[in-house]
């Protein structure tokens, strides 16, 4: 069960088609497994269709925007899960069936990475898969920009809690953390970064000039 979700504004931007391809992919992967957020997006899609039909008479005021967010946030979270229609998943299209068999590159300690930015031509953000070995720790770091992450396999924990498969998290330059892989399998995440991370450990910070 997913416990960490995109915020209402992100879901609205997704519904409106305003997100970049990699950011939209992160939300789509979450939606495939989260009936609560799918319900929010279905509501937004329906409202958007009505507004399009009524153009140009409809104007969106600030109070209407706030009212819509309140309506979405008040939706019950315990709806029964409804599996998505059978289809080839976005992950399988990009990487095949086995994430563990990808050509990972060892980065630091327990962390391996695979940069897939070139699969999203024209995007300004960096798109990376990261693998944290089971029981391993990532170096302490903060962010020079915004990082959007979804957990694809396993789980990790930091000072904000435990993030399981399909959980969604956004971190900024105000966040400093040291993720630890929990459970008996490697933790694999997909991240979209607007700027490189900044290592904050006593020794690892010397490597910052070499991090893209």
N, C-alpha and C. Protein backbone atom coordinates (compact mmCIF):
# COMPACT_ATOMS: atom_id res chain seq x y z
N UNK A 1 0.83 -1.20 0.00
CA UNK A 1 0.00 0.00 0.00
C UNK A 1 0.87 1.25 0.00
N UNK A 2 0.61 2.15 -0.93
CA UNK A 2 1.38 3.39 -1.00
C UNK A 2 0.94 4.34 0.10
N UNK A 3 1.91 5.01 0.72
CA UNK A 3 1.63 5.95 1.81
C UNK A 3 2.10 7.36 1.50
N UNK A 4 2.93 7.50 0.49
CA UNK A 4 3.46 8.82 0.14
C UNK A 4 3.05 9.12 -1.30
N UNK A 5 2.35 10.24 -1.49
CA UNK A 5 1.68 10.53 -2.75
C UNK A 5 2.10 11.88 -3.34
N UNK A 6 1.90 12.07 -4.65
CA UNK A 6 2.07 13.41 -5.22
C UNK A 6 1.06 14.37 -4.59
N UNK A 7 1.41 15.66 -4.48
CA UNK A 7 0.46 16.60 -3.92
C UNK A 7 -0.61 16.96 -4.96
N UNK A 8 -1.63 17.66 -4.51
CA UNK A 8 -2.77 17.95 -5.38
C UNK A 8 -2.37 18.81 -6.58
N UNK A 9 -1.46 19.75 -6.37
CA UNK A 9 -1.04 20.61 -7.48
C UNK A 9 -0.32 19.79 -8.55
N UNK A 10 0.52 18.84 -8.14
CA UNK A 10 1.22 17.99 -9.10
C UNK A 10 0.24 17.14 -9.90
N UNK A 11 -0.80 16.62 -9.22
CA UNK A 11 -1.81 15.83 -9.93
C UNK A 11 -2.59 16.70 -10.91
N UNK A 12 -2.83 17.94 -10.53
CA UNK A 12 -3.53 18.85 -11.43
C UNK A 12 -2.68 19.16 -12.66
N UNK A 13 -1.39 19.38 -12.44
CA UNK A 13 -0.49 19.64 -13.57
C UNK A 13 -0.38 18.42 -14.47
N UNK A 14 -0.40 17.22 -13.87
CA UNK A 14 -0.37 15.99 -14.66
C UNK A 14 -1.63 15.87 -15.51
N UNK A 15 -2.78 16.11 -14.90
CA UNK A 15 -4.04 16.02 -15.62
C UNK A 15 -4.10 17.01 -16.78
N UNK A 16 -3.52 18.19 -16.57
CA UNK A 16 -3.54 19.23 -17.60
C UNK A 16 -2.49 19.01 -18.68
N UNK A 17 -1.61 18.03 -18.47
CA UNK A 17 -0.56 17.76 -19.44
C UNK A 17 0.57 18.76 -19.42
N UNK A 18 0.79 19.38 -18.26
CA UNK A 18 1.80 20.43 -18.15
C UNK A 18 3.15 19.95 -17.64
N UNK A 19 3.27 18.67 -17.31
CA UNK A 19 4.53 18.15 -16.76
C UNK A 19 5.45 17.67 -17.86
N UNK A 20 6.75 17.71 -17.58
CA UNK A 20 7.71 17.14 -18.51
C UNK A 20 7.51 15.63 -18.58
N UNK A 21 8.04 15.01 -19.62
CA UNK A 21 7.84 13.57 -19.79
C UNK A 21 8.36 12.75 -18.61
N UNK A 22 9.59 13.01 -18.10
CA UNK A 22 10.05 12.20 -16.97
C UNK A 22 9.25 12.43 -15.69
N UNK A 23 8.82 13.68 -15.42
CA UNK A 23 7.99 13.92 -14.24
C UNK A 23 6.64 13.22 -14.39
N UNK A 24 6.07 13.29 -15.59
CA UNK A 24 4.79 12.61 -15.82
C UNK A 24 4.94 11.10 -15.66
N UNK A 25 6.10 10.55 -16.07
CA UNK A 25 6.32 9.11 -15.92
C UNK A 25 6.31 8.72 -14.45
N UNK A 26 6.96 9.50 -13.59
CA UNK A 26 6.97 9.20 -12.16
C UNK A 26 5.54 9.15 -11.60
N UNK A 27 4.72 10.12 -11.99
CA UNK A 27 3.34 10.13 -11.48
C UNK A 27 2.54 8.99 -12.09
N UNK A 28 2.74 8.70 -13.37
CA UNK A 28 1.99 7.62 -14.01
C UNK A 28 2.29 6.28 -13.34
N UNK A 29 3.55 6.05 -13.01
CA UNK A 29 3.91 4.80 -12.33
C UNK A 29 3.22 4.71 -10.97
N UNK A 30 3.13 5.83 -10.26
CA UNK A 30 2.44 5.85 -8.98
C UNK A 30 0.94 5.60 -9.17
N UNK A 31 0.35 6.23 -10.17
CA UNK A 31 -1.09 6.08 -10.41
C UNK A 31 -1.47 4.64 -10.73
N UNK A 32 -0.57 3.93 -11.40
CA UNK A 32 -0.85 2.53 -11.75
C UNK A 32 -1.13 1.68 -10.52
N UNK A 33 -0.58 2.08 -9.37
CA UNK A 33 -0.71 1.28 -8.16
C UNK A 33 -1.50 1.96 -7.06
N UNK A 34 -1.95 3.19 -7.26
CA UNK A 34 -2.62 3.95 -6.19
C UNK A 34 -4.02 4.36 -6.64
N UNK A 35 -5.02 3.66 -6.15
CA UNK A 35 -6.41 3.96 -6.53
C UNK A 35 -6.86 5.32 -6.02
N UNK A 36 -6.32 5.75 -4.88
CA UNK A 36 -6.70 7.05 -4.31
C UNK A 36 -6.30 8.18 -5.25
N UNK A 37 -5.05 8.18 -5.70
CA UNK A 37 -4.60 9.25 -6.60
C UNK A 37 -5.25 9.12 -7.98
N UNK A 38 -5.51 7.89 -8.44
CA UNK A 38 -6.21 7.72 -9.71
C UNK A 38 -7.58 8.36 -9.65
N UNK A 39 -8.25 8.23 -8.51
CA UNK A 39 -9.56 8.84 -8.34
C UNK A 39 -9.46 10.36 -8.43
N UNK A 40 -8.41 10.94 -7.83
CA UNK A 40 -8.21 12.38 -7.92
C UNK A 40 -8.02 12.82 -9.37
N UNK A 41 -7.19 12.09 -10.09
CA UNK A 41 -6.91 12.46 -11.48
C UNK A 41 -8.16 12.28 -12.34
N UNK A 42 -8.94 11.23 -12.11
CA UNK A 42 -10.20 11.04 -12.85
C UNK A 42 -11.13 12.23 -12.64
N UNK A 43 -11.20 12.72 -11.39
CA UNK A 43 -12.03 13.89 -11.10
C UNK A 43 -11.51 15.11 -11.84
N UNK A 44 -10.20 15.30 -11.82
CA UNK A 44 -9.61 16.44 -12.52
C UNK A 44 -9.84 16.35 -14.02
N UNK A 45 -9.70 15.14 -14.58
CA UNK A 45 -9.93 14.97 -16.01
C UNK A 45 -11.36 15.31 -16.38
N UNK A 46 -12.31 14.89 -15.54
CA UNK A 46 -13.72 15.17 -15.80
C UNK A 46 -14.01 16.66 -15.73
N UNK A 47 -13.47 17.32 -14.71
CA UNK A 47 -13.67 18.76 -14.57
C UNK A 47 -13.02 19.51 -15.73
N UNK A 48 -11.85 19.05 -16.14
CA UNK A 48 -11.18 19.70 -17.25
C UNK A 48 -11.97 19.57 -18.55
N UNK A 49 -12.59 18.40 -18.76
CA UNK A 49 -13.39 18.20 -19.97
C UNK A 49 -14.59 19.13 -19.99
N UNK A 50 -15.23 19.30 -18.81
CA UNK A 50 -16.39 20.20 -18.73
C UNK A 50 -15.96 21.64 -19.02
N UNK A 51 -14.84 22.05 -18.44
CA UNK A 51 -14.36 23.41 -18.65
C UNK A 51 -14.00 23.66 -20.10
N UNK A 52 -13.43 22.66 -20.78
CA UNK A 52 -13.08 22.81 -22.19
C UNK A 52 -14.33 22.98 -23.04
N UNK A 53 -15.41 22.25 -22.69
CA UNK A 53 -16.65 22.34 -23.44
C UNK A 53 -17.29 23.71 -23.31
N UNK A 54 -17.07 24.36 -22.17
CA UNK A 54 -17.72 25.63 -21.90
C UNK A 54 -16.87 26.84 -22.26
N UNK A 55 -15.68 26.63 -22.77
CA UNK A 55 -14.85 27.77 -23.18
C UNK A 55 -15.56 28.55 -24.27
N UNK A 56 -15.39 29.89 -24.37
CA UNK A 56 -14.52 30.71 -23.55
C UNK A 56 -15.25 31.38 -22.39
N UNK A 57 -16.42 30.86 -22.02
CA UNK A 57 -17.23 31.52 -21.01
C UNK A 57 -16.69 31.31 -19.59
N UNK A 58 -15.93 30.22 -19.38
CA UNK A 58 -15.49 29.89 -18.04
C UNK A 58 -14.20 30.63 -17.70
N UNK A 59 -14.17 31.28 -16.54
CA UNK A 59 -12.95 31.88 -16.02
C UNK A 59 -12.65 31.23 -14.67
N UNK A 60 -11.39 30.92 -14.45
CA UNK A 60 -10.99 30.24 -13.22
C UNK A 60 -10.44 31.26 -12.24
N UNK A 61 -11.18 31.49 -11.17
CA UNK A 61 -10.76 32.44 -10.15
C UNK A 61 -9.88 31.73 -9.13
N UNK A 62 -9.22 32.51 -8.29
CA UNK A 62 -8.39 31.92 -7.25
C UNK A 62 -9.24 31.12 -6.27
N UNK A 63 -10.45 31.60 -5.97
CA UNK A 63 -11.31 30.89 -5.04
C UNK A 63 -11.75 29.54 -5.62
N UNK A 64 -11.96 29.50 -6.95
CA UNK A 64 -12.34 28.24 -7.60
C UNK A 64 -11.20 27.24 -7.50
N UNK A 65 -9.96 27.71 -7.71
CA UNK A 65 -8.79 26.85 -7.61
C UNK A 65 -8.68 26.27 -6.21
N UNK A 66 -8.82 27.12 -5.18
CA UNK A 66 -8.74 26.65 -3.80
C UNK A 66 -9.85 25.67 -3.48
N UNK A 67 -11.05 25.94 -4.03
CA UNK A 67 -12.18 25.05 -3.79
C UNK A 67 -11.94 23.68 -4.41
N UNK A 68 -11.33 23.67 -5.60
CA UNK A 68 -11.04 22.40 -6.27
C UNK A 68 -10.02 21.59 -5.49
N UNK A 69 -8.96 22.24 -4.99
CA UNK A 69 -7.96 21.54 -4.20
C UNK A 69 -8.58 20.97 -2.93
N UNK A 70 -9.49 21.74 -2.30
CA UNK A 70 -10.14 21.26 -1.08
C UNK A 70 -11.01 20.04 -1.37
N UNK A 71 -11.67 20.07 -2.51
CA UNK A 71 -12.54 18.94 -2.90
C UNK A 71 -11.71 17.68 -3.11
N UNK A 72 -10.54 17.85 -3.76
CA UNK A 72 -9.68 16.70 -4.02
C UNK A 72 -9.12 16.15 -2.73
N UNK A 73 -8.63 17.04 -1.85
CA UNK A 73 -8.00 16.61 -0.60
C UNK A 73 -8.98 15.96 0.36
N UNK A 74 -10.28 16.27 0.20
CA UNK A 74 -11.28 15.71 1.11
C UNK A 74 -11.82 14.37 0.64
N UNK A 75 -11.37 13.91 -0.53
CA UNK A 75 -11.85 12.63 -1.04
C UNK A 75 -11.40 11.51 -0.12
N UNK A 76 -12.25 10.50 0.13
CA UNK A 76 -11.86 9.41 1.03
C UNK A 76 -10.67 8.64 0.50
N UNK A 77 -9.76 8.31 1.44
CA UNK A 77 -8.52 7.64 1.03
C UNK A 77 -8.63 6.12 1.05
N UNK A 78 -9.71 5.58 1.59
CA UNK A 78 -9.79 4.13 1.77
C UNK A 78 -10.69 3.48 0.73
N UNK A 79 -10.64 3.96 -0.50
CA UNK A 79 -11.43 3.34 -1.56
C UNK A 79 -10.83 1.99 -1.91
N UNK A 80 -11.65 1.02 -2.30
CA UNK A 80 -11.12 -0.29 -2.67
C UNK A 80 -10.22 -0.19 -3.89
N UNK A 81 -9.12 -0.92 -3.85
CA UNK A 81 -8.17 -0.86 -4.96
C UNK A 81 -8.79 -1.47 -6.21
N UNK A 82 -8.61 -0.78 -7.35
CA UNK A 82 -9.09 -1.27 -8.63
C UNK A 82 -7.87 -1.40 -9.54
N UNK A 83 -7.54 -2.60 -9.93
CA UNK A 83 -6.34 -2.76 -10.75
C UNK A 83 -6.51 -2.10 -12.11
N UNK A 84 -5.46 -1.49 -12.65
CA UNK A 84 -5.54 -0.87 -13.96
C UNK A 84 -5.76 -1.92 -15.04
N UNK A 85 -6.27 -1.47 -16.17
CA UNK A 85 -6.51 -2.38 -17.27
C UNK A 85 -5.20 -3.02 -17.72
N UNK A 86 -5.25 -4.30 -18.08
CA UNK A 86 -4.03 -4.98 -18.50
C UNK A 86 -3.37 -4.27 -19.68
N UNK A 87 -2.08 -3.99 -19.59
CA UNK A 87 -1.33 -3.36 -20.66
C UNK A 87 0.15 -3.53 -20.36
N UNK A 88 0.96 -3.23 -21.35
CA UNK A 88 2.41 -3.28 -21.13
C UNK A 88 2.77 -2.06 -20.30
N UNK A 89 3.34 -2.27 -19.12
CA UNK A 89 3.65 -1.17 -18.23
C UNK A 89 4.77 -0.29 -18.77
N UNK A 90 4.78 0.94 -18.27
CA UNK A 90 5.81 1.90 -18.70
C UNK A 90 7.20 1.40 -18.35
N UNK A 91 7.35 0.73 -17.20
CA UNK A 91 8.66 0.23 -16.82
C UNK A 91 9.16 -0.83 -17.78
N UNK A 92 8.28 -1.76 -18.16
CA UNK A 92 8.67 -2.83 -19.07
C UNK A 92 9.07 -2.26 -20.43
N UNK A 93 8.36 -1.22 -20.87
CA UNK A 93 8.69 -0.61 -22.16
C UNK A 93 10.09 0.00 -22.14
N UNK A 94 10.46 0.58 -21.01
CA UNK A 94 11.75 1.26 -20.91
C UNK A 94 12.90 0.31 -20.60
N UNK A 95 12.67 -0.64 -19.68
CA UNK A 95 13.79 -1.39 -19.11
C UNK A 95 13.66 -2.90 -19.22
N UNK A 96 12.53 -3.42 -19.68
CA UNK A 96 12.35 -4.86 -19.67
C UNK A 96 11.85 -5.35 -18.31
N UNK A 97 11.90 -6.63 -18.11
CA UNK A 97 11.28 -7.23 -16.94
C UNK A 97 12.13 -7.14 -15.67
N UNK A 98 13.45 -7.16 -15.80
CA UNK A 98 14.31 -7.30 -14.63
C UNK A 98 15.17 -6.05 -14.43
N UNK A 99 14.81 -5.23 -13.45
CA UNK A 99 15.57 -4.02 -13.17
C UNK A 99 16.98 -4.35 -12.67
N UNK A 100 17.13 -5.47 -12.00
CA UNK A 100 18.42 -5.82 -11.41
C UNK A 100 19.48 -6.16 -12.46
N UNK A 101 19.04 -6.53 -13.66
CA UNK A 101 19.99 -6.94 -14.70
C UNK A 101 20.44 -5.78 -15.58
N UNK A 102 20.03 -4.57 -15.28
CA UNK A 102 20.44 -3.41 -16.07
C UNK A 102 21.94 -3.15 -15.89
N UNK A 103 22.56 -2.43 -16.81
CA UNK A 103 24.01 -2.17 -16.71
C UNK A 103 24.35 -1.10 -15.67
N UNK A 104 24.20 -1.45 -14.41
CA UNK A 104 24.42 -0.50 -13.33
C UNK A 104 25.89 -0.10 -13.24
N UNK A 105 26.12 1.14 -12.82
CA UNK A 105 27.47 1.65 -12.61
C UNK A 105 27.66 1.99 -11.14
N UNK A 106 28.63 1.34 -10.52
CA UNK A 106 28.88 1.60 -9.10
C UNK A 106 29.30 3.05 -8.90
N UNK A 107 28.66 3.73 -7.96
CA UNK A 107 28.97 5.14 -7.74
C UNK A 107 29.76 5.34 -6.44
N UNK A 108 29.07 5.19 -5.31
CA UNK A 108 29.71 5.36 -4.01
C UNK A 108 29.21 4.29 -3.06
N UNK A 109 30.13 3.53 -2.46
CA UNK A 109 29.74 2.56 -1.46
C UNK A 109 28.67 1.61 -1.93
N UNK A 110 27.50 1.69 -1.30
CA UNK A 110 26.38 0.78 -1.60
C UNK A 110 25.49 1.27 -2.73
N UNK A 111 25.85 2.37 -3.36
CA UNK A 111 24.99 3.01 -4.37
C UNK A 111 25.50 2.73 -5.78
N UNK A 112 24.59 2.29 -6.65
CA UNK A 112 24.86 2.16 -8.08
C UNK A 112 23.85 3.01 -8.83
N UNK A 113 24.23 3.48 -10.01
CA UNK A 113 23.35 4.37 -10.77
C UNK A 113 23.31 3.97 -12.24
N UNK A 114 22.28 4.41 -12.91
CA UNK A 114 22.16 4.28 -14.36
C UNK A 114 21.49 5.56 -14.86
N UNK A 115 22.25 6.38 -15.57
CA UNK A 115 21.72 7.63 -16.10
C UNK A 115 20.94 7.33 -17.37
N UNK A 116 19.66 7.68 -17.40
CA UNK A 116 18.82 7.42 -18.57
C UNK A 116 18.29 8.72 -19.16
N UNK A 117 18.99 9.83 -18.91
CA UNK A 117 18.54 11.12 -19.41
C UNK A 117 18.39 11.11 -20.92
N UNK A 118 19.27 10.37 -21.62
CA UNK A 118 19.23 10.37 -23.08
C UNK A 118 17.97 9.71 -23.64
N UNK A 119 17.21 9.04 -22.79
CA UNK A 119 15.94 8.45 -23.25
C UNK A 119 14.83 9.49 -23.29
N UNK A 120 15.12 10.68 -22.82
CA UNK A 120 14.13 11.76 -22.80
C UNK A 120 14.72 12.98 -23.49
N UNK A 121 14.90 12.91 -24.80
CA UNK A 121 15.56 14.01 -25.52
C UNK A 121 14.80 15.32 -25.36
N UNK A 122 15.58 16.39 -25.24
CA UNK A 122 14.97 17.71 -25.13
C UNK A 122 14.62 18.11 -23.72
N UNK A 123 14.85 17.21 -22.73
CA UNK A 123 14.53 17.53 -21.35
C UNK A 123 15.73 18.18 -20.67
N UNK A 124 15.47 19.16 -19.83
CA UNK A 124 16.58 19.84 -19.15
C UNK A 124 16.99 19.14 -17.87
N UNK A 125 16.15 18.29 -17.31
CA UNK A 125 16.45 17.62 -16.05
C UNK A 125 17.26 16.35 -16.28
N UNK A 126 17.97 15.93 -15.24
CA UNK A 126 18.68 14.65 -15.27
C UNK A 126 17.73 13.56 -14.78
N UNK A 127 17.71 12.43 -15.47
CA UNK A 127 16.84 11.31 -15.11
C UNK A 127 17.72 10.11 -14.82
N UNK A 128 17.65 9.58 -13.60
CA UNK A 128 18.54 8.50 -13.21
C UNK A 128 17.80 7.41 -12.45
N UNK A 129 18.24 6.18 -12.67
CA UNK A 129 17.86 5.07 -11.81
C UNK A 129 18.95 4.93 -10.76
N UNK A 130 18.57 4.69 -9.52
CA UNK A 130 19.53 4.52 -8.44
C UNK A 130 19.22 3.22 -7.70
N UNK A 131 20.27 2.46 -7.41
CA UNK A 131 20.10 1.21 -6.68
C UNK A 131 20.91 1.25 -5.40
N UNK A 132 20.24 1.05 -4.28
CA UNK A 132 20.88 1.01 -2.97
C UNK A 132 20.84 -0.44 -2.49
N UNK A 133 22.01 -1.03 -2.28
CA UNK A 133 22.10 -2.44 -1.91
C UNK A 133 21.32 -2.71 -0.63
N UNK A 134 20.70 -3.89 -0.56
CA UNK A 134 19.91 -4.26 0.62
C UNK A 134 20.72 -4.04 1.89
N UNK A 135 20.15 -3.30 2.83
CA UNK A 135 20.83 -3.01 4.07
C UNK A 135 21.87 -1.91 3.98
N UNK A 136 22.08 -1.38 2.78
CA UNK A 136 23.12 -0.38 2.57
C UNK A 136 22.66 1.04 2.89
N UNK A 137 23.63 1.95 2.98
CA UNK A 137 23.36 3.35 3.28
C UNK A 137 23.90 4.22 2.16
N UNK A 138 23.12 5.22 1.78
CA UNK A 138 23.60 6.21 0.83
C UNK A 138 24.33 7.32 1.57
N UNK A 139 25.30 7.97 0.96
CA UNK A 139 25.99 9.08 1.63
C UNK A 139 25.01 10.19 2.00
N UNK A 140 25.26 10.86 3.11
CA UNK A 140 24.43 12.00 3.50
C UNK A 140 24.54 13.08 2.43
N UNK A 141 23.40 13.65 2.04
CA UNK A 141 23.41 14.67 1.01
C UNK A 141 22.19 15.56 1.10
N UNK A 142 22.29 16.70 0.45
CA UNK A 142 21.15 17.58 0.24
C UNK A 142 21.03 17.80 -1.26
N UNK A 143 20.24 18.78 -1.69
CA UNK A 143 19.98 18.95 -3.11
C UNK A 143 20.18 20.40 -3.51
N UNK A 144 20.78 20.57 -4.67
CA UNK A 144 20.97 21.93 -5.19
C UNK A 144 19.71 22.45 -5.88
N UNK A 145 18.79 21.55 -6.14
CA UNK A 145 17.53 21.90 -6.79
C UNK A 145 16.44 20.99 -6.27
N UNK A 146 15.52 20.58 -7.15
CA UNK A 146 14.42 19.71 -6.75
C UNK A 146 14.66 18.31 -7.29
N UNK A 147 14.33 17.33 -6.46
CA UNK A 147 14.45 15.92 -6.87
C UNK A 147 13.11 15.24 -6.66
N UNK A 148 12.57 14.68 -7.74
CA UNK A 148 11.33 13.90 -7.68
C UNK A 148 11.69 12.43 -7.81
N UNK A 149 11.23 11.61 -6.87
CA UNK A 149 11.62 10.20 -6.82
C UNK A 149 10.42 9.30 -6.62
N UNK A 150 10.42 8.16 -7.31
CA UNK A 150 9.45 7.10 -7.04
C UNK A 150 10.22 5.81 -6.80
N UNK A 151 9.77 5.03 -5.82
CA UNK A 151 10.41 3.76 -5.48
C UNK A 151 9.87 2.68 -6.42
N UNK A 152 10.75 2.03 -7.14
CA UNK A 152 10.36 0.98 -8.08
C UNK A 152 10.47 -0.42 -7.49
N UNK A 153 11.38 -0.59 -6.55
CA UNK A 153 11.60 -1.91 -5.95
C UNK A 153 12.13 -1.71 -4.54
N UNK A 154 11.72 -2.59 -3.63
CA UNK A 154 12.24 -2.53 -2.28
C UNK A 154 11.72 -1.33 -1.51
N UNK A 155 12.53 -0.84 -0.57
CA UNK A 155 12.12 0.28 0.29
C UNK A 155 13.35 0.94 0.87
N UNK A 156 13.20 2.22 1.24
CA UNK A 156 14.27 2.90 1.95
C UNK A 156 13.67 3.72 3.08
N UNK A 157 14.49 4.06 4.05
CA UNK A 157 14.05 4.87 5.18
C UNK A 157 15.01 6.04 5.35
N UNK A 158 14.45 7.18 5.77
CA UNK A 158 15.25 8.32 6.18
C UNK A 158 14.52 9.01 7.31
N UNK A 159 14.92 10.25 7.62
CA UNK A 159 14.32 10.92 8.77
C UNK A 159 12.84 11.24 8.55
N UNK A 160 12.35 11.14 7.31
CA UNK A 160 10.94 11.43 7.03
C UNK A 160 10.05 10.19 7.12
N UNK A 161 10.66 9.02 7.24
CA UNK A 161 9.85 7.81 7.34
C UNK A 161 10.35 6.72 6.42
N UNK A 162 9.49 5.73 6.17
CA UNK A 162 9.81 4.60 5.30
C UNK A 162 9.05 4.77 3.99
N UNK A 163 9.78 4.60 2.90
CA UNK A 163 9.20 4.74 1.57
C UNK A 163 9.25 3.38 0.88
N UNK A 164 8.07 2.82 0.64
CA UNK A 164 7.96 1.50 0.04
C UNK A 164 7.74 1.59 -1.47
N UNK A 165 7.65 0.44 -2.10
CA UNK A 165 7.46 0.39 -3.55
C UNK A 165 6.26 1.22 -3.97
N UNK A 166 6.46 2.06 -4.98
CA UNK A 166 5.49 2.96 -5.60
C UNK A 166 5.21 4.22 -4.78
N UNK A 167 5.90 4.39 -3.65
CA UNK A 167 5.79 5.65 -2.93
C UNK A 167 6.49 6.76 -3.71
N UNK A 168 6.03 7.99 -3.49
CA UNK A 168 6.44 9.16 -4.27
C UNK A 168 6.96 10.21 -3.31
N UNK A 169 8.08 10.85 -3.64
CA UNK A 169 8.65 11.85 -2.74
C UNK A 169 9.32 12.96 -3.55
N UNK A 170 9.16 14.19 -3.09
CA UNK A 170 9.83 15.35 -3.70
C UNK A 170 10.72 15.98 -2.64
N UNK A 171 12.00 16.17 -2.96
CA UNK A 171 12.97 16.77 -2.05
C UNK A 171 13.54 18.04 -2.66
N UNK A 172 13.90 19.01 -1.80
CA UNK A 172 14.43 20.28 -2.26
C UNK A 172 15.75 20.58 -1.55
N UNK A 173 16.27 21.79 -1.76
CA UNK A 173 17.52 22.16 -1.10
C UNK A 173 17.34 22.36 0.40
N UNK A 174 16.11 22.25 0.88
CA UNK A 174 15.85 22.34 2.32
C UNK A 174 15.93 20.98 3.00
N UNK A 175 16.07 19.94 2.22
CA UNK A 175 16.09 18.58 2.76
C UNK A 175 17.50 18.01 2.74
N UNK A 176 17.92 17.44 3.85
CA UNK A 176 19.17 16.70 3.93
C UNK A 176 18.86 15.32 4.48
N UNK A 177 19.30 14.29 3.79
CA UNK A 177 18.97 12.95 4.27
C UNK A 177 20.06 11.95 3.91
N UNK A 178 19.95 10.78 4.56
CA UNK A 178 20.88 9.67 4.36
C UNK A 178 20.07 8.39 4.27
N UNK A 179 19.55 8.08 3.08
CA UNK A 179 18.66 6.92 2.93
C UNK A 179 19.34 5.61 3.29
N UNK A 180 18.56 4.71 3.85
CA UNK A 180 19.02 3.36 4.19
C UNK A 180 18.04 2.37 3.56
N UNK A 181 18.55 1.40 2.82
CA UNK A 181 17.68 0.38 2.23
C UNK A 181 17.20 -0.57 3.32
N UNK A 182 15.90 -0.76 3.40
CA UNK A 182 15.34 -1.66 4.40
C UNK A 182 14.73 -2.88 3.69
N UNK A 183 14.65 -3.98 4.41
CA UNK A 183 14.14 -5.20 3.82
C UNK A 183 15.27 -6.04 3.26
N UNK A 184 14.90 -7.09 2.54
CA UNK A 184 15.88 -8.08 2.10
C UNK A 184 16.25 -7.96 0.63
N UNK A 185 15.79 -6.89 -0.06
CA UNK A 185 16.15 -6.73 -1.46
C UNK A 185 16.69 -5.33 -1.71
N UNK A 186 17.42 -5.19 -2.81
CA UNK A 186 17.95 -3.89 -3.17
C UNK A 186 16.80 -2.91 -3.39
N UNK A 187 17.05 -1.66 -3.03
CA UNK A 187 16.05 -0.61 -3.27
C UNK A 187 16.41 0.11 -4.56
N UNK A 188 15.48 0.14 -5.49
CA UNK A 188 15.70 0.80 -6.78
C UNK A 188 14.70 1.94 -6.93
N UNK A 189 15.20 3.11 -7.26
CA UNK A 189 14.34 4.28 -7.43
C UNK A 189 14.58 4.92 -8.79
N UNK A 190 13.58 5.67 -9.24
CA UNK A 190 13.68 6.50 -10.43
C UNK A 190 13.60 7.95 -9.96
N UNK A 191 14.60 8.76 -10.32
CA UNK A 191 14.64 10.14 -9.85
C UNK A 191 14.81 11.11 -11.02
N UNK A 192 14.16 12.26 -10.89
CA UNK A 192 14.31 13.36 -11.84
C UNK A 192 14.90 14.53 -11.06
N UNK A 193 16.08 15.00 -11.47
CA UNK A 193 16.79 16.03 -10.72
C UNK A 193 16.97 17.29 -11.57
N UNK A 194 16.61 18.42 -10.99
CA UNK A 194 16.82 19.69 -11.68
C UNK A 194 18.25 20.17 -11.52
N UNK A 195 19.00 19.60 -10.56
CA UNK A 195 20.40 19.95 -10.33
C UNK A 195 21.05 18.80 -9.57
N UNK A 196 22.37 18.67 -9.63
CA UNK A 196 23.04 17.56 -8.94
C UNK A 196 22.86 17.64 -7.43
N UNK A 197 22.98 16.48 -6.77
CA UNK A 197 22.94 16.45 -5.31
C UNK A 197 24.21 17.07 -4.76
N UNK A 198 24.19 17.38 -3.49
CA UNK A 198 25.36 17.95 -2.81
C UNK A 198 25.68 17.08 -1.60
N UNK A 199 26.82 16.38 -1.65
CA UNK A 199 27.22 15.52 -0.54
C UNK A 199 27.60 16.38 0.66
N UNK A 200 27.19 15.93 1.86
CA UNK A 200 27.42 16.73 3.06
C UNK A 200 28.25 16.02 4.11
N UNK A 201 28.66 14.76 3.83
CA UNK A 201 29.47 14.03 4.79
C UNK A 201 30.86 14.64 4.95
N UNK A 202 31.50 14.33 6.05
CA UNK A 202 32.81 14.91 6.36
C UNK A 202 33.83 14.63 5.25
N UNK A 203 33.83 13.41 4.70
CA UNK A 203 34.80 13.04 3.68
C UNK A 203 34.20 13.09 2.28
N UNK A 204 32.93 12.69 2.14
CA UNK A 204 32.34 12.61 0.80
C UNK A 204 32.14 13.98 0.16
N UNK A 205 32.05 15.03 0.95
CA UNK A 205 31.82 16.37 0.38
C UNK A 205 32.97 16.77 -0.56
N UNK A 206 34.15 16.16 -0.39
CA UNK A 206 35.26 16.46 -1.28
C UNK A 206 35.01 15.99 -2.71
N UNK A 207 34.01 15.09 -2.88
CA UNK A 207 33.70 14.55 -4.20
C UNK A 207 32.70 15.41 -4.96
N UNK A 208 32.15 16.44 -4.34
CA UNK A 208 31.13 17.26 -4.99
C UNK A 208 31.54 17.81 -6.35
N UNK A 209 32.78 18.26 -6.55
CA UNK A 209 33.14 18.79 -7.87
C UNK A 209 33.04 17.76 -8.99
N UNK A 210 33.01 16.46 -8.63
CA UNK A 210 33.01 15.42 -9.65
C UNK A 210 31.62 14.84 -9.90
N UNK A 211 30.61 15.37 -9.18
CA UNK A 211 29.25 14.86 -9.33
C UNK A 211 28.49 15.70 -10.33
N UNK A 212 27.92 15.02 -11.30
CA UNK A 212 27.14 15.72 -12.32
C UNK A 212 25.73 15.97 -11.79
